[in-house]
């Protein structure tokens, strides 16, 4: 998947974050934990995902390699791609 698509999809989360946060805050267990975390931690920035992808690439050669090293079979990753991604065009 193109890096730009991953970052753009991540940034879309910013539009929905208030709904996600409201749901978590409605759960007493999560609300208690969230109250201890600085609000700045609950933001969505494209640079955050870019840094994550850079680190994943530098340390493991990318997401697929990381997953394979973690024990996910190649067939499972291939099937996941088939199920989740739309064909080009």
PDB file of N, CA and C in Angstrom:
ATOM      1  N   UNK A   1       0.841  -1.167   0.000  1.00  0.00           N
ATOM      2  CA  UNK A   1       0.000   0.000   0.000  1.00  0.00           C
ATOM      3  C   UNK A   1       0.890   1.235   0.000  1.00  0.00           C
ATOM      4  N   UNK A   2       0.470   2.244  -0.714  1.00  0.00           N
ATOM      5  CA  UNK A   2       1.244   3.482  -0.781  1.00  0.00           C
ATOM      6  C   UNK A   2       1.274   4.181   0.566  1.00  0.00           C
ATOM      7  N   UNK A   3       2.426   4.668   0.903  1.00  0.00           N
ATOM      8  CA  UNK A   3       2.637   5.383   2.162  1.00  0.00           C
ATOM      9  C   UNK A   3       1.652   6.553   2.309  1.00  0.00           C
ATOM     10  N   UNK A   4       1.440   7.302   1.214  1.00  0.00           N
ATOM     11  CA  UNK A   4       0.548   8.457   1.250  1.00  0.00           C
ATOM     12  C   UNK A   4      -0.881   8.053   1.607  1.00  0.00           C
ATOM     13  N   UNK A   5      -1.293   6.896   1.143  1.00  0.00           N
ATOM     14  CA  UNK A   5      -2.644   6.398   1.439  1.00  0.00           C
ATOM     15  C   UNK A   5      -2.753   6.034   2.920  1.00  0.00           C
ATOM     16  N   UNK A   6      -1.727   5.420   3.447  1.00  0.00           N
ATOM     17  CA  UNK A   6      -1.726   5.049   4.867  1.00  0.00           C
ATOM     18  C   UNK A   6      -1.808   6.301   5.731  1.00  0.00           C
ATOM     19  N   UNK A   7      -1.000   7.299   5.425  1.00  0.00           N
ATOM     20  CA  UNK A   7      -0.984   8.538   6.214  1.00  0.00           C
ATOM     21  C   UNK A   7      -2.334   9.250   6.089  1.00  0.00           C
ATOM     22  N   UNK A   8      -2.871   9.345   4.878  1.00  0.00           N
ATOM     23  CA  UNK A   8      -4.159  10.011   4.678  1.00  0.00           C
ATOM     24  C   UNK A   8      -5.276   9.299   5.442  1.00  0.00           C
ATOM     25  N   UNK A   9      -5.268   7.978   5.430  1.00  0.00           N
ATOM     26  CA  UNK A   9      -6.279   7.213   6.156  1.00  0.00           C
ATOM     27  C   UNK A   9      -6.156   7.452   7.656  1.00  0.00           C
ATOM     28  N   UNK A  10      -4.938   7.510   8.137  1.00  0.00           N
ATOM     29  CA  UNK A  10      -4.709   7.774   9.558  1.00  0.00           C
ATOM     30  C   UNK A  10      -5.247   9.154   9.943  1.00  0.00           C
ATOM     31  N   UNK A  11      -4.997  10.143   9.109  1.00  0.00           N
ATOM     32  CA  UNK A  11      -5.416  11.516   9.403  1.00  0.00           C
ATOM     33  C   UNK A  11      -6.943  11.630   9.433  1.00  0.00           C
ATOM     34  N   UNK A  12      -7.636  10.812   8.665  1.00  0.00           N
ATOM     35  CA  UNK A  12      -9.106  10.815   8.684  1.00  0.00           C
ATOM     36  C   UNK A  12      -9.618  10.572  10.103  1.00  0.00           C
ATOM     37  N   UNK A  13      -8.857   9.840  10.883  1.00  0.00           N
ATOM     38  CA  UNK A  13      -9.236   9.557  12.271  1.00  0.00           C
ATOM     39  C   UNK A  13      -9.475  10.846  13.051  1.00  0.00           C
ATOM     40  N   UNK A  14      -8.764  11.905  12.713  1.00  0.00           N
ATOM     41  CA  UNK A  14      -8.923  13.180  13.425  1.00  0.00           C
ATOM     42  C   UNK A  14     -10.364  13.663  13.373  1.00  0.00           C
ATOM     43  N   UNK A  15     -11.035  13.449  12.243  1.00  0.00           N
ATOM     44  CA  UNK A  15     -12.426  13.873  12.104  1.00  0.00           C
ATOM     45  C   UNK A  15     -13.363  13.107  13.026  1.00  0.00           C
ATOM     46  N   UNK A  16     -13.000  11.902  13.375  1.00  0.00           N
ATOM     47  CA  UNK A  16     -13.865  11.041  14.180  1.00  0.00           C
ATOM     48  C   UNK A  16     -13.411  10.932  15.628  1.00  0.00           C
ATOM     49  N   UNK A  17     -12.294  11.558  15.946  1.00  0.00           N
ATOM     50  CA  UNK A  17     -11.685  11.381  17.260  1.00  0.00           C
ATOM     51  C   UNK A  17     -12.614  11.786  18.404  1.00  0.00           C
ATOM     52  N   UNK A  18     -13.386  12.841  18.231  1.00  0.00           N
ATOM     53  CA  UNK A  18     -14.268  13.262  19.328  1.00  0.00           C
ATOM     54  C   UNK A  18     -15.292  12.188  19.662  1.00  0.00           C
ATOM     55  N   UNK A  19     -15.751  11.446  18.650  1.00  0.00           N
ATOM     56  CA  UNK A  19     -16.712  10.366  18.891  1.00  0.00           C
ATOM     57  C   UNK A  19     -16.043   9.172  19.579  1.00  0.00           C
ATOM     58  N   UNK A  20     -14.832   8.878  19.142  1.00  0.00           N
ATOM     59  CA  UNK A  20     -14.070   7.792  19.755  1.00  0.00           C
ATOM     60  C   UNK A  20     -13.790   8.115  21.217  1.00  0.00           C
ATOM     61  N   UNK A  21     -13.356   9.342  21.470  1.00  0.00           N
ATOM     62  CA  UNK A  21     -13.042   9.756  22.838  1.00  0.00           C
ATOM     63  C   UNK A  21     -14.286   9.737  23.722  1.00  0.00           C
ATOM     64  N   UNK A  22     -15.404  10.166  23.197  1.00  0.00           N
ATOM     65  CA  UNK A  22     -16.648  10.166  23.981  1.00  0.00           C
ATOM     66  C   UNK A  22     -17.021   8.739  24.377  1.00  0.00           C
ATOM     67  N   UNK A  23     -16.844   7.807  23.476  1.00  0.00           N
ATOM     68  CA  UNK A  23     -17.158   6.411  23.783  1.00  0.00           C
ATOM     69  C   UNK A  23     -16.233   5.874  24.865  1.00  0.00           C
ATOM     70  N   UNK A  24     -14.957   6.172  24.762  1.00  0.00           N
ATOM     71  CA  UNK A  24     -14.007   5.712  25.784  1.00  0.00           C
ATOM     72  C   UNK A  24     -14.291   6.346  27.135  1.00  0.00           C
ATOM     73  N   UNK A  25     -14.608   7.638  27.120  1.00  0.00           N
ATOM     74  CA  UNK A  25     -14.875   8.323  28.387  1.00  0.00           C
ATOM     75  C   UNK A  25     -16.151   7.824  29.057  1.00  0.00           C
ATOM     76  N   UNK A  26     -17.045   7.237  28.289  1.00  0.00           N
ATOM     77  CA  UNK A  26     -18.276   6.678  28.851  1.00  0.00           C
ATOM     78  C   UNK A  26     -18.013   5.370  29.592  1.00  0.00           C
ATOM     79  N   UNK A  27     -16.880   4.761  29.351  1.00  0.00           N
ATOM     80  CA  UNK A  27     -16.503   3.521  30.027  1.00  0.00           C
ATOM     81  C   UNK A  27     -15.660   3.890  31.243  1.00  0.00           C
ATOM     82  N   UNK A  28     -16.142   3.592  32.458  1.00  0.00           N
ATOM     83  CA  UNK A  28     -15.416   4.006  33.666  1.00  0.00           C
ATOM     84  C   UNK A  28     -13.951   3.552  33.701  1.00  0.00           C
ATOM     85  N   UNK A  29     -13.685   2.368  33.219  1.00  0.00           N
ATOM     86  CA  UNK A  29     -12.305   1.871  33.243  1.00  0.00           C
ATOM     87  C   UNK A  29     -11.400   2.714  32.336  1.00  0.00           C
ATOM     88  N   UNK A  30     -11.864   2.998  31.134  1.00  0.00           N
ATOM     89  CA  UNK A  30     -11.070   3.812  30.219  1.00  0.00           C
ATOM     90  C   UNK A  30     -11.007   5.256  30.690  1.00  0.00           C
ATOM     91  N   UNK A  31     -12.119   5.790  31.173  1.00  0.00           N
ATOM     92  CA  UNK A  31     -12.159   7.185  31.607  1.00  0.00           C
ATOM     93  C   UNK A  31     -11.125   7.445  32.696  1.00  0.00           C
ATOM     94  N   UNK A  32     -11.008   6.530  33.619  1.00  0.00           N
ATOM     95  CA  UNK A  32     -10.038   6.682  34.706  1.00  0.00           C
ATOM     96  C   UNK A  32      -8.610   6.720  34.161  1.00  0.00           C
ATOM     97  N   UNK A  33      -8.319   5.829  33.227  1.00  0.00           N
ATOM     98  CA  UNK A  33      -6.985   5.803  32.630  1.00  0.00           C
ATOM     99  C   UNK A  33      -6.727   7.057  31.796  1.00  0.00           C
ATOM    100  N   UNK A  34      -7.724   7.461  31.031  1.00  0.00           N
ATOM    101  CA  UNK A  34      -7.567   8.619  30.154  1.00  0.00           C
ATOM    102  C   UNK A  34      -7.339   9.905  30.934  1.00  0.00           C
ATOM    103  N   UNK A  35      -7.921   9.999  32.110  1.00  0.00           N
ATOM    104  CA  UNK A  35      -7.771  11.195  32.927  1.00  0.00           C
ATOM    105  C   UNK A  35      -6.312  11.416  33.338  1.00  0.00           C
ATOM    106  N   UNK A  36      -5.524  10.368  33.311  1.00  0.00           N
ATOM    107  CA  UNK A  36      -4.117  10.454  33.701  1.00  0.00           C
ATOM    108  C   UNK A  36      -3.189  10.796  32.537  1.00  0.00           C
ATOM    109  N   UNK A  37      -3.730  10.840  31.329  1.00  0.00           N
ATOM    110  CA  UNK A  37      -2.921  11.066  30.131  1.00  0.00           C
ATOM    111  C   UNK A  37      -3.111  12.515  29.665  1.00  0.00           C
ATOM    112  N   UNK A  38      -2.019  13.202  29.341  1.00  0.00           N
ATOM    113  CA  UNK A  38      -2.154  14.580  28.853  1.00  0.00           C
ATOM    114  C   UNK A  38      -3.006  14.633  27.577  1.00  0.00           C
ATOM    115  N   UNK A  39      -3.889  15.626  27.456  1.00  0.00           N
ATOM    116  CA  UNK A  39      -4.742  15.734  26.266  1.00  0.00           C
ATOM    117  C   UNK A  39      -3.971  15.756  24.953  1.00  0.00           C
ATOM    118  N   UNK A  40      -2.744  16.252  24.979  1.00  0.00           N
ATOM    119  CA  UNK A  40      -1.952  16.308  23.743  1.00  0.00           C
ATOM    120  C   UNK A  40      -1.679  14.918  23.171  1.00  0.00           C
ATOM    121  N   UNK A  41      -1.780  13.886  23.989  1.00  0.00           N
ATOM    122  CA  UNK A  41      -1.568  12.512  23.517  1.00  0.00           C
ATOM    123  C   UNK A  41      -2.717  12.011  22.655  1.00  0.00           C
ATOM    124  N   UNK A  42      -3.847  12.708  22.737  1.00  0.00           N
ATOM    125  CA  UNK A  42      -5.030  12.297  21.989  1.00  0.00           C
ATOM    126  C   UNK A  42      -5.221  13.186  20.767  1.00  0.00           C
ATOM    127  N   UNK A  43      -4.183  13.282  19.969  1.00  0.00           N
ATOM    128  CA  UNK A  43      -4.267  14.048  18.731  1.00  0.00           C
ATOM    129  C   UNK A  43      -3.821  13.157  17.578  1.00  0.00           C
ATOM    130  N   UNK A  44      -4.190  13.562  16.393  1.00  0.00           N
ATOM    131  CA  UNK A  44      -3.863  12.791  15.198  1.00  0.00           C
ATOM    132  C   UNK A  44      -3.132  13.717  14.233  1.00  0.00           C
ATOM    133  N   UNK A  45      -1.879  13.408  13.983  1.00  0.00           N
ATOM    134  CA  UNK A  45      -1.048  14.195  13.072  1.00  0.00           C
ATOM    135  C   UNK A  45      -0.429  13.255  12.035  1.00  0.00           C
ATOM    136  N   UNK A  46      -0.424  13.679  10.797  1.00  0.00           N
ATOM    137  CA  UNK A  46       0.187  12.872   9.748  1.00  0.00           C
ATOM    138  C   UNK A  46       1.639  12.554  10.034  1.00  0.00           C
ATOM    139  N   UNK A  47       2.336  13.487  10.660  1.00  0.00           N
ATOM    140  CA  UNK A  47       3.761  13.280  10.949  1.00  0.00           C
ATOM    141  C   UNK A  47       3.967  12.117  11.926  1.00  0.00           C
ATOM    142  N   UNK A  48       2.971  11.859  12.773  1.00  0.00           N
ATOM    143  CA  UNK A  48       3.074  10.730  13.702  1.00  0.00           C
ATOM    144  C   UNK A  48       3.119   9.415  12.935  1.00  0.00           C
ATOM    145  N   UNK A  49       2.206   9.257  11.982  1.00  0.00           N
ATOM    146  CA  UNK A  49       2.188   8.026  11.182  1.00  0.00           C
ATOM    147  C   UNK A  49       3.422   7.946  10.299  1.00  0.00           C
ATOM    148  N   UNK A  50       3.863   9.062   9.754  1.00  0.00           N
ATOM    149  CA  UNK A  50       5.072   9.047   8.934  1.00  0.00           C
ATOM    150  C   UNK A  50       6.269   8.576   9.749  1.00  0.00           C
ATOM    151  N   UNK A  51       6.387   9.058  10.983  1.00  0.00           N
ATOM    152  CA  UNK A  51       7.478   8.621  11.861  1.00  0.00           C
ATOM    153  C   UNK A  51       7.379   7.153  12.198  1.00  0.00           C
ATOM    154  N   UNK A  52       6.154   6.682  12.443  1.00  0.00           N
ATOM    155  CA  UNK A  52       5.954   5.258  12.729  1.00  0.00           C
ATOM    156  C   UNK A  52       6.382   4.415  11.536  1.00  0.00           C
ATOM    157  N   UNK A  53       5.960   4.806  10.350  1.00  0.00           N
ATOM    158  CA  UNK A  53       6.329   4.047   9.145  1.00  0.00           C
ATOM    159  C   UNK A  53       7.829   4.088   8.892  1.00  0.00           C
ATOM    160  N   UNK A  54       8.450   5.239   9.148  1.00  0.00           N
ATOM    161  CA  UNK A  54       9.911   5.341   9.011  1.00  0.00           C
ATOM    162  C   UNK A  54      10.606   4.358   9.952  1.00  0.00           C
ATOM    163  N   UNK A  55      10.152   4.315  11.206  1.00  0.00           N
ATOM    164  CA  UNK A  55      10.743   3.408  12.183  1.00  0.00           C
ATOM    165  C   UNK A  55      10.528   1.953  11.821  1.00  0.00           C
ATOM    166  N   UNK A  56       9.350   1.642  11.348  1.00  0.00           N
ATOM    167  CA  UNK A  56       9.028   0.268  10.943  1.00  0.00           C
ATOM    168  C   UNK A  56       9.926  -0.167   9.785  1.00  0.00           C
ATOM    169  N   UNK A  57      10.134   0.743   8.854  1.00  0.00           N
ATOM    170  CA  UNK A  57      11.003   0.453   7.708  1.00  0.00           C
ATOM    171  C   UNK A  57      12.457   0.294   8.153  1.00  0.00           C
ATOM    172  N   UNK A  58      12.924   1.198   9.004  1.00  0.00           N
ATOM    173  CA  UNK A  58      14.327   1.167   9.440  1.00  0.00           C
ATOM    174  C   UNK A  58      14.637  -0.063  10.287  1.00  0.00           C
ATOM    175  N   UNK A  59      13.726  -0.431  11.153  1.00  0.00           N
ATOM    176  CA  UNK A  59      13.987  -1.539  12.081  1.00  0.00           C
ATOM    177  C   UNK A  59      13.694  -2.917  11.495  1.00  0.00           C
ATOM    178  N   UNK A  60      12.673  -2.981  10.618  1.00  0.00           N
ATOM    179  CA  UNK A  60      12.223  -4.300  10.172  1.00  0.00           C
ATOM    180  C   UNK A  60      12.121  -4.455   8.656  1.00  0.00           C
ATOM    181  N   UNK A  61      12.323  -3.388   7.910  1.00  0.00           N
ATOM    182  CA  UNK A  61      12.175  -3.488   6.465  1.00  0.00           C
ATOM    183  C   UNK A  61      10.734  -3.349   6.013  1.00  0.00           C
ATOM    184  N   UNK A  62       9.877  -2.854   6.871  1.00  0.00           N
ATOM    185  CA  UNK A  62       8.477  -2.635   6.520  1.00  0.00           C
ATOM    186  C   UNK A  62       7.521  -3.509   7.316  1.00  0.00           C
ATOM    187  N   UNK A  63       6.238  -3.248   7.114  1.00  0.00           N
ATOM    188  CA  UNK A  63       5.196  -3.934   7.886  1.00  0.00           C
ATOM    189  C   UNK A  63       5.136  -5.429   7.581  1.00  0.00           C
ATOM    190  N   UNK A  64       5.232  -5.785   6.322  1.00  0.00           N
ATOM    191  CA  UNK A  64       5.146  -7.211   5.965  1.00  0.00           C
ATOM    192  C   UNK A  64       6.278  -8.006   6.606  1.00  0.00           C
ATOM    193  N   UNK A  65       7.489  -7.478   6.516  1.00  0.00           N
ATOM    194  CA  UNK A  65       8.629  -8.172   7.109  1.00  0.00           C
ATOM    195  C   UNK A  65       8.460  -8.287   8.612  1.00  0.00           C
ATOM    196  N   UNK A  66       7.994  -7.212   9.251  1.00  0.00           N
ATOM    197  CA  UNK A  66       7.755  -7.252  10.694  1.00  0.00           C
ATOM    198  C   UNK A  66       6.743  -8.348  11.034  1.00  0.00           C
ATOM    199  N   UNK A  67       5.653  -8.401  10.291  1.00  0.00           N
ATOM    200  CA  UNK A  67       4.621  -9.404  10.571  1.00  0.00           C
ATOM    201  C   UNK A  67       5.156 -10.819  10.365  1.00  0.00           C
ATOM    202  N   UNK A  68       5.924 -11.029   9.302  1.00  0.00           N
ATOM    203  CA  UNK A  68       6.516 -12.349   9.066  1.00  0.00           C
ATOM    204  C   UNK A  68       7.462 -12.726  10.207  1.00  0.00           C
ATOM    205  N   UNK A  69       8.284 -11.776  10.644  1.00  0.00           N
ATOM    206  CA  UNK A  69       9.202 -12.036  11.754  1.00  0.00           C
ATOM    207  C   UNK A  69       8.456 -12.318  13.055  1.00  0.00           C
ATOM    208  N   UNK A  70       7.260 -11.757  13.174  1.00  0.00           N
ATOM    209  CA  UNK A  70       6.448 -11.966  14.380  1.00  0.00           C
ATOM    210  C   UNK A  70       5.675 -13.280  14.323  1.00  0.00           C
ATOM    211  N   UNK A  71       5.795 -14.006  13.201  1.00  0.00           N
ATOM    212  CA  UNK A  71       5.173 -15.316  13.106  1.00  0.00           C
ATOM    213  C   UNK A  71       3.885 -15.389  12.303  1.00  0.00           C
ATOM    214  N   UNK A  72       3.493 -14.294  11.671  1.00  0.00           N
ATOM    215  CA  UNK A  72       2.288 -14.330  10.844  1.00  0.00           C
ATOM    216  C   UNK A  72       2.650 -15.016   9.525  1.00  0.00           C
ATOM    217  N   UNK A  73       1.944 -16.080   9.158  1.00  0.00           N
ATOM    218  CA  UNK A  73       2.260 -16.775   7.910  1.00  0.00           C
ATOM    219  C   UNK A  73       2.011 -15.893   6.681  1.00  0.00           C
ATOM    220  N   UNK A  74       2.847 -16.044   5.667  1.00  0.00           N
ATOM    221  CA  UNK A  74       2.725 -15.260   4.436  1.00  0.00           C
ATOM    222  C   UNK A  74       1.342 -15.422   3.815  1.00  0.00           C
ATOM    223  N   UNK A  75       0.774 -16.628   3.895  1.00  0.00           N
ATOM    224  CA  UNK A  75      -0.549 -16.862   3.308  1.00  0.00           C
ATOM    225  C   UNK A  75      -1.616 -16.008   3.992  1.00  0.00           C
ATOM    226  N   UNK A  76      -1.474 -15.827   5.284  1.00  0.00           N
ATOM    227  CA  UNK A  76      -2.425 -15.008   6.030  1.00  0.00           C
ATOM    228  C   UNK A  76      -2.305 -13.549   5.597  1.00  0.00           C
ATOM    229  N   UNK A  77      -1.084 -13.066   5.444  1.00  0.00           N
ATOM    230  CA  UNK A  77      -0.889 -11.692   4.995  1.00  0.00           C
ATOM    231  C   UNK A  77      -1.441 -11.485   3.586  1.00  0.00           C
ATOM    232  N   UNK A  78      -1.203 -12.454   2.714  1.00  0.00           N
ATOM    233  CA  UNK A  78      -1.726 -12.361   1.354  1.00  0.00           C
ATOM    234  C   UNK A  78      -3.246 -12.324   1.354  1.00  0.00           C
ATOM    235  N   UNK A  79      -3.850 -13.152   2.176  1.00  0.00           N
ATOM    236  CA  UNK A  79      -5.319 -13.190   2.259  1.00  0.00           C
ATOM    237  C   UNK A  79      -5.859 -11.887   2.838  1.00  0.00           C
ATOM    238  N   UNK A  80      -5.175 -11.341   3.809  1.00  0.00           N
ATOM    239  CA  UNK A  80      -5.578 -10.072   4.405  1.00  0.00           C
ATOM    240  C   UNK A  80      -5.595  -8.971   3.344  1.00  0.00           C
ATOM    241  N   UNK A  81      -4.577  -8.943   2.508  1.00  0.00           N
ATOM    242  CA  UNK A  81      -4.522  -7.968   1.417  1.00  0.00           C
ATOM    243  C   UNK A  81      -5.734  -8.149   0.505  1.00  0.00           C
ATOM    244  N   UNK A  82      -6.064  -9.376   0.169  1.00  0.00           N
ATOM    245  CA  UNK A  82      -7.217  -9.652  -0.696  1.00  0.00           C
ATOM    246  C   UNK A  82      -8.516  -9.159  -0.074  1.00  0.00           C
ATOM    247  N   UNK A  83      -8.654  -9.347   1.233  1.00  0.00           N
ATOM    248  CA  UNK A  83      -9.891  -9.004   1.921  1.00  0.00           C
ATOM    249  C   UNK A  83     -10.045  -7.506   2.192  1.00  0.00           C
ATOM    250  N   UNK A  84      -8.941  -6.826   2.425  1.00  0.00           N
ATOM    251  CA  UNK A  84      -9.008  -5.445   2.903  1.00  0.00           C
ATOM    252  C   UNK A  84      -8.833  -4.418   1.780  1.00  0.00           C
ATOM    253  N   UNK A  85      -7.970  -4.694   0.840  1.00  0.00           N
ATOM    254  CA  UNK A  85      -7.673  -3.700  -0.181  1.00  0.00           C
ATOM    255  C   UNK A  85      -8.511  -3.897  -1.437  1.00  0.00           C
ATOM    256  N   UNK A  86      -8.885  -2.778  -2.039  1.00  0.00           N
ATOM    257  CA  UNK A  86      -9.590  -2.830  -3.299  1.00  0.00           C
ATOM    258  C   UNK A  86      -8.569  -2.967  -4.420  1.00  0.00           C
ATOM    259  N   UNK A  87      -8.925  -3.694  -5.475  1.00  0.00           N
ATOM    260  CA  UNK A  87      -7.988  -3.817  -6.593  1.00  0.00           C
ATOM    261  C   UNK A  87      -7.763  -2.448  -7.245  1.00  0.00           C
ATOM    262  N   UNK A  88      -6.567  -2.207  -7.774  1.00  0.00           N
ATOM    263  CA  UNK A  88      -6.300  -0.920  -8.436  1.00  0.00           C
ATOM    264  C   UNK A  88      -7.216  -0.726  -9.643  1.00  0.00           C
ATOM    265  N   UNK A  89      -7.537   0.540  -9.898  1.00  0.00           N
ATOM    266  CA  UNK A  89      -8.324   0.879 -11.090  1.00  0.00           C
ATOM    267  C   UNK A  89      -9.748   0.790 -10.797  1.00  0.00           C
TER     268      UNK A  89
END
